[in-house]
Amino acid sequence: MSVTTLTLLPAENVYPDLSGVGGRSTLIEIVGALLTIVLIVSVLMLIVSGIVWAVSSSAGNPQTATKGKVGVFVALGAAVLAGAGVTWMNFLLNLGDTL
Protein backbone atom coordinates (compact mmCIF):
# COMPACT_ATOMS: atom_id res chain seq x y z
CA MET A 1 0.00 0.00 0.00
CA SER A 2 1.39 3.41 -0.90
CA VAL A 3 0.88 6.70 0.89
CA THR A 4 0.12 9.74 -1.24
CA THR A 5 1.22 13.10 0.04
CA LEU A 6 -0.23 16.39 -1.09
CA THR A 7 1.94 19.42 -1.42
CA LEU A 8 0.65 22.95 -1.54
CA LEU A 9 1.97 25.24 -4.20
CA PRO A 10 2.93 28.77 -3.17
CA ALA A 11 0.22 31.34 -3.80
CA GLU A 12 0.62 33.38 -6.96
CA ASN A 13 0.02 37.09 -7.06
CA VAL A 14 -3.05 37.04 -9.30
CA TYR A 15 -5.56 39.82 -8.78
CA PRO A 16 -8.63 40.85 -10.80
CA ASP A 17 -8.36 43.93 -12.99
CA LEU A 18 -11.24 46.02 -11.64
CA SER A 19 -10.50 48.85 -14.01
CA GLY A 20 -11.12 46.53 -16.97
CA VAL A 21 -14.89 46.85 -16.69
CA GLY A 22 -16.13 49.70 -18.84
CA GLY A 23 -18.74 51.99 -17.32
CA ARG A 24 -18.13 50.88 -13.74
CA SER A 25 -18.64 54.37 -12.33
CA THR A 26 -21.87 54.78 -14.32
CA LEU A 27 -23.17 51.48 -12.98
CA ILE A 28 -22.36 52.53 -9.42
CA GLU A 29 -24.25 55.81 -9.91
CA ILE A 30 -27.30 54.05 -11.40
CA VAL A 31 -27.54 51.48 -8.62
CA GLY A 32 -27.09 54.17 -5.98
CA ALA A 33 -29.78 56.33 -7.56
CA LEU A 34 -32.24 53.42 -7.78
CA LEU A 35 -31.70 52.47 -4.15
CA THR A 36 -32.18 56.10 -3.13
CA ILE A 37 -35.45 56.32 -5.05
CA VAL A 38 -36.68 53.10 -3.42
CA LEU A 39 -35.76 54.46 0.00
CA ILE A 40 -37.59 57.76 -0.59
CA VAL A 41 -40.72 56.06 -1.93
CA SER A 42 -40.82 53.56 0.93
CA VAL A 43 -40.54 56.34 3.53
CA LEU A 44 -43.35 58.26 1.82
CA MET A 45 -45.50 55.12 1.77
CA LEU A 46 -44.70 54.58 5.44
CA ILE A 47 -46.10 58.04 6.19
CA VAL A 48 -49.21 57.55 4.03
CA SER A 49 -49.92 54.09 5.47
CA GLY A 50 -49.48 55.42 8.99
CA ILE A 51 -51.98 58.19 8.34
CA VAL A 52 -54.46 55.70 6.83
CA TRP A 53 -54.01 53.39 9.81
CA ALA A 54 -54.56 56.22 12.33
CA VAL A 55 -57.57 57.76 10.60
CA SER A 56 -59.33 54.45 9.93
CA SER A 57 -58.71 53.25 13.49
CA SER A 58 -60.22 56.40 14.94
CA ALA A 59 -63.15 56.22 12.51
CA GLY A 60 -63.94 52.62 13.48
CA ASN A 61 -63.10 50.96 10.16
CA PRO A 62 -61.16 47.77 11.05
CA GLN A 63 -60.65 46.54 7.45
CA THR A 64 -58.95 49.74 6.34
CA ALA A 65 -57.00 49.91 9.61
CA THR A 66 -55.65 46.42 8.94
CA LYS A 67 -54.61 47.41 5.42
CA GLY A 68 -52.92 50.52 6.77
CA LYS A 69 -51.08 48.43 9.35
CA VAL A 70 -49.88 45.99 6.69
CA GLY A 71 -48.79 48.94 4.54
CA VAL A 72 -46.75 50.34 7.44
CA PHE A 73 -44.93 47.05 7.97
CA VAL A 74 -44.29 46.49 4.25
CA ALA A 75 -43.01 50.04 3.79
CA LEU A 76 -40.82 49.70 6.87
CA GLY A 77 -39.37 46.45 5.53
CA ALA A 78 -38.70 48.03 2.13
CA ALA A 79 -36.97 51.01 3.76
CA VAL A 80 -34.79 48.72 5.85
CA LEU A 81 -33.88 46.56 2.85
CA ALA A 82 -33.10 49.60 0.68
CA GLY A 83 -30.91 51.09 3.39
CA ALA A 84 -29.17 47.78 3.92
CA GLY A 85 -28.73 47.46 0.16
CA VAL A 86 -26.83 50.75 0.00
CA THR A 87 -24.64 49.69 2.90
CA TRP A 88 -24.02 46.24 1.38
CA MET A 89 -23.17 47.74 -2.03
CA ASN A 90 -20.69 50.20 -0.49
CA PHE A 91 -19.10 47.39 1.54
CA LEU A 92 -18.66 45.21 -1.55
CA LEU A 93 -17.25 48.09 -3.60
CA ASN A 94 -14.73 48.89 -0.88
CA LEU A 95 -13.86 45.22 -0.57
CA GLY A 96 -13.38 44.96 -4.33
CA ASP A 97 -10.93 47.86 -4.33
CA THR A 98 -8.75 46.12 -1.74
CA LEU A 99 -8.44 42.82 -3.60
PDB file of N, CA and C in Angstrom:
ATOM      1  N   MET A   1       0.836  -1.171   0.000  1.00  0.00           N
ATOM      2  CA  MET A   1       0.000   0.000   0.000  1.00  0.00           C
ATOM      3  C   MET A   1       0.889   1.245   0.000  1.00  0.00           C
ATOM      4  N   SER A   2       0.564   2.203  -0.819  1.00  0.00           N
ATOM      5  CA  SER A   2       1.390   3.407  -0.901  1.00  0.00           C
ATOM      6  C   SER A   2       0.656   4.592  -0.275  1.00  0.00           C
ATOM      7  N   VAL A   3       1.422   5.500   0.263  1.00  0.00           N
ATOM      8  CA  VAL A   3       0.880   6.697   0.895  1.00  0.00           C
ATOM      9  C   VAL A   3       1.102   7.871  -0.055  1.00  0.00           C
ATOM     10  N   THR A   4       0.024   8.584  -0.356  1.00  0.00           N
ATOM     11  CA  THR A   4       0.117   9.736  -1.236  1.00  0.00           C
ATOM     12  C   THR A   4       0.174  11.000  -0.391  1.00  0.00           C
ATOM     13  N   THR A   5       1.124  11.840  -0.693  1.00  0.00           N
ATOM     14  CA  THR A   5       1.222  13.100   0.037  1.00  0.00           C
ATOM     15  C   THR A   5       0.838  14.243  -0.889  1.00  0.00           C
ATOM     16  N   LEU A   6       0.177  15.195  -0.341  1.00  0.00           N
ATOM     17  CA  LEU A   6      -0.227  16.386  -1.087  1.00  0.00           C
ATOM     18  C   LEU A   6       0.692  17.534  -0.705  1.00  0.00           C
ATOM     19  N   THR A   7       1.128  18.245  -1.700  1.00  0.00           N
ATOM     20  CA  THR A   7       1.938  19.425  -1.419  1.00  0.00           C
ATOM     21  C   THR A   7       1.190  20.648  -1.919  1.00  0.00           C
ATOM     22  N   LEU A   8       1.291  21.696  -1.166  1.00  0.00           N
ATOM     23  CA  LEU A   8       0.646  22.948  -1.542  1.00  0.00           C
ATOM     24  C   LEU A   8       1.623  23.811  -2.314  1.00  0.00           C
ATOM     25  N   LEU A   9       1.146  24.340  -3.412  1.00  0.00           N
ATOM     26  CA  LEU A   9       1.968  25.244  -4.202  1.00  0.00           C
ATOM     27  C   LEU A   9       1.909  26.637  -3.590  1.00  0.00           C
ATOM     28  N   PRO A  10       2.977  27.405  -3.712  1.00  0.00           N
ATOM     29  CA  PRO A  10       2.926  28.770  -3.169  1.00  0.00           C
ATOM     30  C   PRO A  10       1.892  29.599  -3.928  1.00  0.00           C
ATOM     31  N   ALA A  11       1.265  30.500  -3.217  1.00  0.00           N
ATOM     32  CA  ALA A  11       0.219  31.342  -3.802  1.00  0.00           C
ATOM     33  C   ALA A  11       0.827  32.316  -4.802  1.00  0.00           C
ATOM     34  N   GLU A  12       0.177  32.439  -5.930  1.00  0.00           N
ATOM     35  CA  GLU A  12       0.615  33.377  -6.958  1.00  0.00           C
ATOM     36  C   GLU A  12      -0.032  34.733  -6.708  1.00  0.00           C
ATOM     37  N   ASN A  13       0.581  35.751  -7.191  1.00  0.00           N
ATOM     38  CA  ASN A  13       0.021  37.094  -7.064  1.00  0.00           C
ATOM     39  C   ASN A  13      -0.875  37.382  -8.265  1.00  0.00           C
ATOM     40  N   VAL A  14      -2.077  36.842  -8.228  1.00  0.00           N
ATOM     41  CA  VAL A  14      -3.046  37.039  -9.296  1.00  0.00           C
ATOM     42  C   VAL A  14      -4.218  37.810  -8.709  1.00  0.00           C
ATOM     43  N   TYR A  15      -4.489  38.979  -9.277  1.00  0.00           N
ATOM     44  CA  TYR A  15      -5.562  39.820  -8.781  1.00  0.00           C
ATOM     45  C   TYR A  15      -6.451  40.227  -9.947  1.00  0.00           C
ATOM     46  N   PRO A  16      -7.753  40.434  -9.697  1.00  0.00           N
ATOM     47  CA  PRO A  16      -8.633  40.854 -10.796  1.00  0.00           C
ATOM     48  C   PRO A  16      -8.343  42.297 -11.201  1.00  0.00           C
ATOM     49  N   ASP A  17      -8.541  42.573 -12.469  1.00  0.00           N
ATOM     50  CA  ASP A  17      -8.364  43.927 -12.985  1.00  0.00           C
ATOM     51  C   ASP A  17      -9.708  44.635 -12.922  1.00  0.00           C
ATOM     52  N   LEU A  18      -9.954  45.361 -11.826  1.00  0.00           N
ATOM     53  CA  LEU A  18     -11.242  46.022 -11.636  1.00  0.00           C
ATOM     54  C   LEU A  18     -11.431  47.218 -12.546  1.00  0.00           C
ATOM     55  N   SER A  19     -10.355  47.731 -13.096  1.00  0.00           N
ATOM     56  CA  SER A  19     -10.498  48.853 -14.013  1.00  0.00           C
ATOM     57  C   SER A  19     -10.824  48.376 -15.428  1.00  0.00           C
ATOM     58  N   GLY A  20     -10.839  47.080 -15.651  1.00  0.00           N
ATOM     59  CA  GLY A  20     -11.118  46.533 -16.971  1.00  0.00           C
ATOM     60  C   GLY A  20     -12.580  46.572 -17.357  1.00  0.00           C
ATOM     61  N   VAL A  21     -13.465  46.802 -16.395  1.00  0.00           N
ATOM     62  CA  VAL A  21     -14.894  46.851 -16.688  1.00  0.00           C
ATOM     63  C   VAL A  21     -15.244  48.264 -17.135  1.00  0.00           C
ATOM     64  N   GLY A  22     -15.763  48.389 -18.334  1.00  0.00           N
ATOM     65  CA  GLY A  22     -16.132  49.701 -18.840  1.00  0.00           C
ATOM     66  C   GLY A  22     -17.440  50.178 -18.224  1.00  0.00           C
ATOM     67  N   GLY A  23     -17.514  51.425 -17.877  1.00  0.00           N
ATOM     68  CA  GLY A  23     -18.742  51.988 -17.323  1.00  0.00           C
ATOM     69  C   GLY A  23     -18.995  51.620 -15.881  1.00  0.00           C
ATOM     70  N   ARG A  24     -17.961  51.281 -15.147  1.00  0.00           N
ATOM     71  CA  ARG A  24     -18.129  50.881 -13.742  1.00  0.00           C
ATOM     72  C   ARG A  24     -18.683  52.024 -12.909  1.00  0.00           C
ATOM     73  N   SER A  25     -18.177  53.222 -13.128  1.00  0.00           N
ATOM     74  CA  SER A  25     -18.645  54.372 -12.329  1.00  0.00           C
ATOM     75  C   SER A  25     -20.100  54.705 -12.669  1.00  0.00           C
ATOM     76  N   THR A  26     -20.481  54.541 -13.931  1.00  0.00           N
ATOM     77  CA  THR A  26     -21.872  54.784 -14.318  1.00  0.00           C
ATOM     78  C   THR A  26     -22.789  53.776 -13.665  1.00  0.00           C
ATOM     79  N   LEU A  27     -22.369  52.520 -13.625  1.00  0.00           N
ATOM     80  CA  LEU A  27     -23.166  51.480 -12.981  1.00  0.00           C
ATOM     81  C   LEU A  27     -23.331  51.751 -11.493  1.00  0.00           C
ATOM     82  N   ILE A  28     -22.285  52.205 -10.851  1.00  0.00           N
ATOM     83  CA  ILE A  28     -22.358  52.530  -9.423  1.00  0.00           C
ATOM     84  C   ILE A  28     -23.347  53.672  -9.189  1.00  0.00           C
ATOM     85  N   GLU A  29     -23.327  54.685 -10.049  1.00  0.00           N
ATOM     86  CA  GLU A  29     -24.254  55.810  -9.910  1.00  0.00           C
ATOM     87  C   GLU A  29     -25.697  55.376 -10.132  1.00  0.00           C
ATOM     88  N   ILE A  30     -25.940  54.506 -11.114  1.00  0.00           N
ATOM     89  CA  ILE A  30     -27.296  54.051 -11.404  1.00  0.00           C
ATOM     90  C   ILE A  30     -27.853  53.237 -10.249  1.00  0.00           C
ATOM     91  N   VAL A  31     -27.069  52.310  -9.736  1.00  0.00           N
ATOM     92  CA  VAL A  31     -27.539  51.481  -8.621  1.00  0.00           C
ATOM     93  C   VAL A  31     -27.788  52.335  -7.385  1.00  0.00           C
ATOM     94  N   GLY A  32     -26.896  53.271  -7.116  1.00  0.00           N
ATOM     95  CA  GLY A  32     -27.088  54.167  -5.976  1.00  0.00           C
ATOM     96  C   GLY A  32     -28.338  55.022  -6.117  1.00  0.00           C
ATOM     97  N   ALA A  33     -28.590  55.515  -7.332  1.00  0.00           N
ATOM     98  CA  ALA A  33     -29.780  56.330  -7.564  1.00  0.00           C
ATOM     99  C   ALA A  33     -31.053  55.504  -7.404  1.00  0.00           C
ATOM    100  N   LEU A  34     -31.055  54.279  -7.919  1.00  0.00           N
ATOM    101  CA  LEU A  34     -32.239  53.425  -7.784  1.00  0.00           C
ATOM    102  C   LEU A  34     -32.523  53.077  -6.325  1.00  0.00           C
ATOM    103  N   LEU A  35     -31.489  52.773  -5.566  1.00  0.00           N
ATOM    104  CA  LEU A  35     -31.699  52.468  -4.152  1.00  0.00           C
ATOM    105  C   LEU A  35     -32.169  53.701  -3.385  1.00  0.00           C
ATOM    106  N   THR A  36     -31.710  54.875  -3.772  1.00  0.00           N
ATOM    107  CA  THR A  36     -32.175  56.105  -3.131  1.00  0.00           C
ATOM    108  C   THR A  36     -33.645  56.357  -3.435  1.00  0.00           C
ATOM    109  N   ILE A  37     -34.043  56.136  -4.686  1.00  0.00           N
ATOM    110  CA  ILE A  37     -35.450  56.319  -5.053  1.00  0.00           C
ATOM    111  C   ILE A  37     -36.332  55.347  -4.284  1.00  0.00           C
ATOM    112  N   VAL A  38     -35.906  54.099  -4.176  1.00  0.00           N
ATOM    113  CA  VAL A  38     -36.677  53.102  -3.419  1.00  0.00           C
ATOM    114  C   VAL A  38     -36.795  53.519  -1.961  1.00  0.00           C
ATOM    115  N   LEU A  39     -35.734  54.028  -1.393  1.00  0.00           N
ATOM    116  CA  LEU A  39     -35.759  54.462   0.001  1.00  0.00           C
ATOM    117  C   LEU A  39     -36.710  55.641   0.199  1.00  0.00           C
ATOM    118  N   ILE A  40     -36.695  56.605  -0.708  1.00  0.00           N
ATOM    119  CA  ILE A  40     -37.588  57.761  -0.594  1.00  0.00           C
ATOM    120  C   ILE A  40     -39.047  57.346  -0.732  1.00  0.00           C
ATOM    121  N   VAL A  41     -39.344  56.506  -1.723  1.00  0.00           N
ATOM    122  CA  VAL A  41     -40.725  56.057  -1.934  1.00  0.00           C
ATOM    123  C   VAL A  41     -41.219  55.229  -0.755  1.00  0.00           C
ATOM    124  N   SER A  42     -40.365  54.385  -0.202  1.00  0.00           N
ATOM    125  CA  SER A  42     -40.817  53.562   0.931  1.00  0.00           C
ATOM    126  C   SER A  42     -41.068  54.412   2.171  1.00  0.00           C
ATOM    127  N   VAL A  43     -40.279  55.454   2.380  1.00  0.00           N
ATOM    128  CA  VAL A  43     -40.538  56.338   3.526  1.00  0.00           C
ATOM    129  C   VAL A  43     -41.832  57.120   3.321  1.00  0.00           C
ATOM    130  N   LEU A  44     -42.086  57.576   2.092  1.00  0.00           N
ATOM    131  CA  LEU A  44     -43.350  58.264   1.819  1.00  0.00           C
ATOM    132  C   LEU A  44     -44.546  57.324   2.016  1.00  0.00           C
ATOM    133  N   MET A  45     -44.420  56.086   1.582  1.00  0.00           N
ATOM    134  CA  MET A  45     -45.502  55.119   1.766  1.00  0.00           C
ATOM    135  C   MET A  45     -45.679  54.767   3.250  1.00  0.00           C
ATOM    136  N   LEU A  46     -44.603  54.798   4.002  1.00  0.00           N
ATOM    137  CA  LEU A  46     -44.705  54.584   5.442  1.00  0.00           C
ATOM    138  C   LEU A  46     -45.538  55.687   6.077  1.00  0.00           C
ATOM    139  N   ILE A  47     -45.330  56.913   5.656  1.00  0.00           N
ATOM    140  CA  ILE A  47     -46.100  58.043   6.189  1.00  0.00           C
ATOM    141  C   ILE A  47     -47.572  57.934   5.791  1.00  0.00           C
ATOM    142  N   VAL A  48     -47.824  57.651   4.506  1.00  0.00           N
ATOM    143  CA  VAL A  48     -49.206  57.546   4.026  1.00  0.00           C
ATOM    144  C   VAL A  48     -49.933  56.389   4.710  1.00  0.00           C
ATOM    145  N   SER A  49     -49.281  55.247   4.823  1.00  0.00           N
ATOM    146  CA  SER A  49     -49.921  54.092   5.475  1.00  0.00           C
ATOM    147  C   SER A  49     -50.176  54.352   6.951  1.00  0.00           C
ATOM    148  N   GLY A  50     -49.262  55.060   7.596  1.00  0.00           N
ATOM    149  CA  GLY A  50     -49.476  55.416   8.995  1.00  0.00           C
ATOM    150  C   GLY A  50     -50.663  56.342   9.175  1.00  0.00           C
ATOM    151  N   ILE A  51     -50.825  57.291   8.274  1.00  0.00           N
ATOM    152  CA  ILE A  51     -51.980  58.193   8.335  1.00  0.00           C
ATOM    153  C   ILE A  51     -53.275  57.416   8.107  1.00  0.00           C
ATOM    154  N   VAL A  52     -53.274  56.512   7.103  1.00  0.00           N
ATOM    155  CA  VAL A  52     -54.464  55.702   6.832  1.00  0.00           C
ATOM    156  C   VAL A  52     -54.804  54.833   8.030  1.00  0.00           C
ATOM    157  N   TRP A  53     -53.792  54.240   8.639  1.00  0.00           N
ATOM    158  CA  TRP A  53     -54.008  53.385   9.810  1.00  0.00           C
ATOM    159  C   TRP A  53     -54.615  54.202  10.954  1.00  0.00           C
ATOM    160  N   ALA A  54     -54.079  55.388  11.222  1.00  0.00           N
ATOM    161  CA  ALA A  54     -54.562  56.216  12.329  1.00  0.00           C
ATOM    162  C   ALA A  54     -55.984  56.715  12.090  1.00  0.00           C
ATOM    163  N   VAL A  55     -56.252  57.202  10.886  1.00  0.00           N
ATOM    164  CA  VAL A  55     -57.572  57.758  10.596  1.00  0.00           C
ATOM    165  C   VAL A  55     -58.633  56.662  10.602  1.00  0.00           C
ATOM    166  N   SER A  56     -58.334  55.527   9.987  1.00  0.00           N
ATOM    167  CA  SER A  56     -59.330  54.449   9.934  1.00  0.00           C
ATOM    168  C   SER A  56     -59.539  53.800  11.297  1.00  0.00           C
ATOM    169  N   SER A  57     -58.520  53.777  12.133  1.00  0.00           N
ATOM    170  CA  SER A  57     -58.709  53.251  13.489  1.00  0.00           C
ATOM    171  C   SER A  57     -59.607  54.164  14.313  1.00  0.00           C
ATOM    172  N   SER A  58     -59.395  55.465  14.169  1.00  0.00           N
ATOM    173  CA  SER A  58     -60.220  56.399  14.941  1.00  0.00           C
ATOM    174  C   SER A  58     -61.639  56.490  14.391  1.00  0.00           C
ATOM    175  N   ALA A  59     -61.818  56.172  13.105  1.00  0.00           N
ATOM    176  CA  ALA A  59     -63.153  56.219  12.507  1.00  0.00           C
ATOM    177  C   ALA A  59     -63.915  54.904  12.697  1.00  0.00           C
ATOM    178  N   GLY A  60     -63.262  53.895  13.223  1.00  0.00           N
ATOM    179  CA  GLY A  60     -63.937  52.623  13.479  1.00  0.00           C
ATOM    180  C   GLY A  60     -64.058  51.742  12.243  1.00  0.00           C
ATOM    181  N   ASN A  61     -63.089  51.784  11.351  1.00  0.00           N
ATOM    182  CA  ASN A  61     -63.098  50.958  10.156  1.00  0.00           C
ATOM    183  C   ASN A  61     -61.957  49.933  10.263  1.00  0.00           C
ATOM    184  N   PRO A  62     -62.237  48.729  10.785  1.00  0.00           N
ATOM    185  CA  PRO A  62     -61.156  47.769  11.046  1.00  0.00           C
ATOM    186  C   PRO A  62     -60.504  47.207   9.779  1.00  0.00           C
ATOM    187  N   GLN A  63     -61.252  47.080   8.678  1.00  0.00           N
ATOM    188  CA  GLN A  63     -60.650  46.542   7.451  1.00  0.00           C
ATOM    189  C   GLN A  63     -59.584  47.489   6.898  1.00  0.00           C
ATOM    190  N   THR A  64     -59.910  48.762   6.845  1.00  0.00           N
ATOM    191  CA  THR A  64     -58.946  49.736   6.340  1.00  0.00           C
ATOM    192  C   THR A  64     -57.792  49.917   7.317  1.00  0.00           C
ATOM    193  N   ALA A  65     -58.070  49.810   8.615  1.00  0.00           N
ATOM    194  CA  ALA A  65     -57.004  49.907   9.608  1.00  0.00           C
ATOM    195  C   ALA A  65     -56.013  48.763   9.446  1.00  0.00           C
ATOM    196  N   THR A  66     -56.527  47.569   9.147  1.00  0.00           N
ATOM    197  CA  THR A  66     -55.649  46.420   8.940  1.00  0.00           C
ATOM    198  C   THR A  66     -54.790  46.619   7.697  1.00  0.00           C
ATOM    199  N   LYS A  67     -55.381  47.147   6.629  1.00  0.00           N
ATOM    200  CA  LYS A  67     -54.612  47.408   5.416  1.00  0.00           C
ATOM    201  C   LYS A  67     -53.560  48.491   5.641  1.00  0.00           C
ATOM    202  N   GLY A  68     -53.903  49.488   6.430  1.00  0.00           N
ATOM    203  CA  GLY A  68     -52.919  50.517   6.766  1.00  0.00           C
ATOM    204  C   GLY A  68     -51.777  49.953   7.592  1.00  0.00           C
ATOM    205  N   LYS A  69     -52.104  49.057   8.515  1.00  0.00           N
ATOM    206  CA  LYS A  69     -51.081  48.431   9.352  1.00  0.00           C
ATOM    207  C   LYS A  69     -50.136  47.578   8.504  1.00  0.00           C
ATOM    208  N   VAL A  70     -50.711  46.802   7.583  1.00  0.00           N
ATOM    209  CA  VAL A  70     -49.879  45.988   6.694  1.00  0.00           C
ATOM    210  C   VAL A  70     -49.004  46.890   5.824  1.00  0.00           C
ATOM    211  N   GLY A  71     -49.564  47.996   5.342  1.00  0.00           N
ATOM    212  CA  GLY A  71     -48.787  48.945   4.545  1.00  0.00           C
ATOM    213  C   GLY A  71     -47.625  49.530   5.317  1.00  0.00           C
ATOM    214  N   VAL A  72     -47.843  49.816   6.602  1.00  0.00           N
ATOM    215  CA  VAL A  72     -46.755  50.344   7.440  1.00  0.00           C
ATOM    216  C   VAL A  72     -45.629  49.325   7.552  1.00  0.00           C
ATOM    217  N   PHE A  73     -45.966  48.073   7.805  1.00  0.00           N
ATOM    218  CA  PHE A  73     -44.928  47.048   7.973  1.00  0.00           C
ATOM    219  C   PHE A  73     -44.211  46.738   6.663  1.00  0.00           C
ATOM    220  N   VAL A  74     -44.930  46.725   5.550  1.00  0.00           N
ATOM    221  CA  VAL A  74     -44.293  46.488   4.250  1.00  0.00           C
ATOM    222  C   VAL A  74     -43.373  47.647   3.882  1.00  0.00           C
ATOM    223  N   ALA A  75     -43.838  48.871   4.092  1.00  0.00           N
ATOM    224  CA  ALA A  75     -43.009  50.044   3.791  1.00  0.00           C
ATOM    225  C   ALA A  75     -41.786  50.093   4.700  1.00  0.00           C
ATOM    226  N   LEU A  76     -41.950  49.729   5.956  1.00  0.00           N
ATOM    227  CA  LEU A  76     -40.816  49.695   6.875  1.00  0.00           C
ATOM    228  C   LEU A  76     -39.796  48.647   6.439  1.00  0.00           C
ATOM    229  N   GLY A  77     -40.278  47.488   6.027  1.00  0.00           N
ATOM    230  CA  GLY A  77     -39.372  46.445   5.534  1.00  0.00           C
ATOM    231  C   GLY A  77     -38.641  46.880   4.275  1.00  0.00           C
ATOM    232  N   ALA A  78     -39.344  47.546   3.359  1.00  0.00           N
ATOM    233  CA  ALA A  78     -38.703  48.026   2.133  1.00  0.00           C
ATOM    234  C   ALA A  78     -37.657  49.087   2.437  1.00  0.00           C
ATOM    235  N   ALA A  79     -37.951  49.972   3.384  1.00  0.00           N
ATOM    236  CA  ALA A  79     -36.974  51.006   3.757  1.00  0.00           C
ATOM    237  C   ALA A  79     -35.734  50.383   4.386  1.00  0.00           C
ATOM    238  N   VAL A  80     -35.933  49.393   5.225  1.00  0.00           N
ATOM    239  CA  VAL A  80     -34.792  48.718   5.855  1.00  0.00           C
ATOM    240  C   VAL A  80     -33.959  47.994   4.800  1.00  0.00           C
ATOM    241  N   LEU A  81     -34.621  47.282   3.880  1.00  0.00           N
ATOM    242  CA  LEU A  81     -33.882  46.558   2.846  1.00  0.00           C
ATOM    243  C   LEU A  81     -33.151  47.504   1.899  1.00  0.00           C
ATOM    244  N   ALA A  82     -33.765  48.639   1.555  1.00  0.00           N
ATOM    245  CA  ALA A  82     -33.102  49.602   0.677  1.00  0.00           C
ATOM    246  C   ALA A  82     -31.892  50.222   1.374  1.00  0.00           C
ATOM    247  N   GLY A  83     -32.042  50.564   2.639  1.00  0.00           N
ATOM    248  CA  GLY A  83     -30.906  51.094   3.391  1.00  0.00           C
ATOM    249  C   GLY A  83     -29.797  50.080   3.550  1.00  0.00           C
ATOM    250  N   ALA A  84     -30.169  48.837   3.803  1.00  0.00           N
ATOM    251  CA  ALA A  84     -29.173  47.780   3.920  1.00  0.00           C
ATOM    252  C   ALA A  84     -28.530  47.498   2.569  1.00  0.00           C
ATOM    253  N   GLY A  85     -29.295  47.668   1.487  1.00  0.00           N
ATOM    254  CA  GLY A  85     -28.735  47.463   0.156  1.00  0.00           C
ATOM    255  C   GLY A  85     -27.654  48.470  -0.165  1.00  0.00           C
ATOM    256  N   VAL A  86     -27.851  49.718   0.208  1.00  0.00           N
ATOM    257  CA  VAL A  86     -26.833  50.751  -0.005  1.00  0.00           C
ATOM    258  C   VAL A  86     -25.583  50.424   0.809  1.00  0.00           C
ATOM    259  N   THR A  87     -25.771  50.032   2.048  1.00  0.00           N
ATOM    260  CA  THR A  87     -24.636  49.685   2.904  1.00  0.00           C
ATOM    261  C   THR A  87     -23.899  48.479   2.354  1.00  0.00           C
ATOM    262  N   TRP A  88     -24.637  47.470   1.922  1.00  0.00           N
ATOM    263  CA  TRP A  88     -24.024  46.244   1.382  1.00  0.00           C
ATOM    264  C   TRP A  88     -23.257  46.552   0.097  1.00  0.00           C
ATOM    265  N   MET A  89     -23.838  47.383  -0.780  1.00  0.00           N
ATOM    266  CA  MET A  89     -23.167  47.737  -2.029  1.00  0.00           C
ATOM    267  C   MET A  89     -21.875  48.498  -1.745  1.00  0.00           C
ATOM    268  N   ASN A  90     -21.905  49.447  -0.827  1.00  0.00           N
ATOM    269  CA  ASN A  90     -20.694  50.196  -0.486  1.00  0.00           C
ATOM    270  C   ASN A  90     -19.628  49.287   0.117  1.00  0.00           C
ATOM    271  N   PHE A  91     -20.044  48.337   0.950  1.00  0.00           N
ATOM    272  CA  PHE A  91     -19.098  47.391   1.538  1.00  0.00           C
ATOM    273  C   PHE A  91     -18.428  46.554   0.452  1.00  0.00           C
ATOM    274  N   LEU A  92     -19.226  46.040  -0.485  1.00  0.00           N
ATOM    275  CA  LEU A  92     -18.662  45.210  -1.546  1.00  0.00           C
ATOM    276  C   LEU A  92     -17.757  46.013  -2.475  1.00  0.00           C
ATOM    277  N   LEU A  93     -18.108  47.263  -2.760  1.00  0.00           N
ATOM    278  CA  LEU A  93     -17.248  48.088  -3.603  1.00  0.00           C
ATOM    279  C   LEU A  93     -15.930  48.383  -2.905  1.00  0.00           C
ATOM    280  N   ASN A  94     -15.964  48.661  -1.610  1.00  0.00           N
ATOM    281  CA  ASN A  94     -14.725  48.892  -0.879  1.00  0.00           C
ATOM    282  C   ASN A  94     -13.912  47.621  -0.769  1.00  0.00           C
ATOM    283  N   LEU A  95     -14.564  46.498  -0.625  1.00  0.00           N
ATOM    284  CA  LEU A  95     -13.862  45.219  -0.568  1.00  0.00           C
ATOM    285  C   LEU A  95     -13.215  44.905  -1.911  1.00  0.00           C
ATOM    286  N   GLY A  96     -13.929  45.205  -3.001  1.00  0.00           N
ATOM    287  CA  GLY A  96     -13.385  44.955  -4.328  1.00  0.00           C
ATOM    288  C   GLY A  96     -12.158  45.796  -4.629  1.00  0.00           C
ATOM    289  N   ASP A  97     -12.099  46.999  -4.091  1.00  0.00           N
ATOM    290  CA  ASP A  97     -10.929  47.856  -4.329  1.00  0.00           C
ATOM    291  C   ASP A  97      -9.712  47.366  -3.570  1.00  0.00           C
ATOM    292  N   THR A  98      -9.897  46.583  -2.525  1.00  0.00           N
ATOM    293  CA  THR A  98      -8.754  46.125  -1.739  1.00  0.00           C
ATOM    294  C   THR A  98      -8.227  44.776  -2.191  1.00  0.00           C
ATOM    295  N   LEU A  99      -8.910  44.131  -3.120  1.00  0.00           N
ATOM    296  CA  LEU A  99      -8.437  42.822  -3.596  1.00  0.00           C
ATOM    297  C   LEU A  99      -7.166  42.937  -4.406  1.00  0.00           C
TER     298      LEU A  99
END
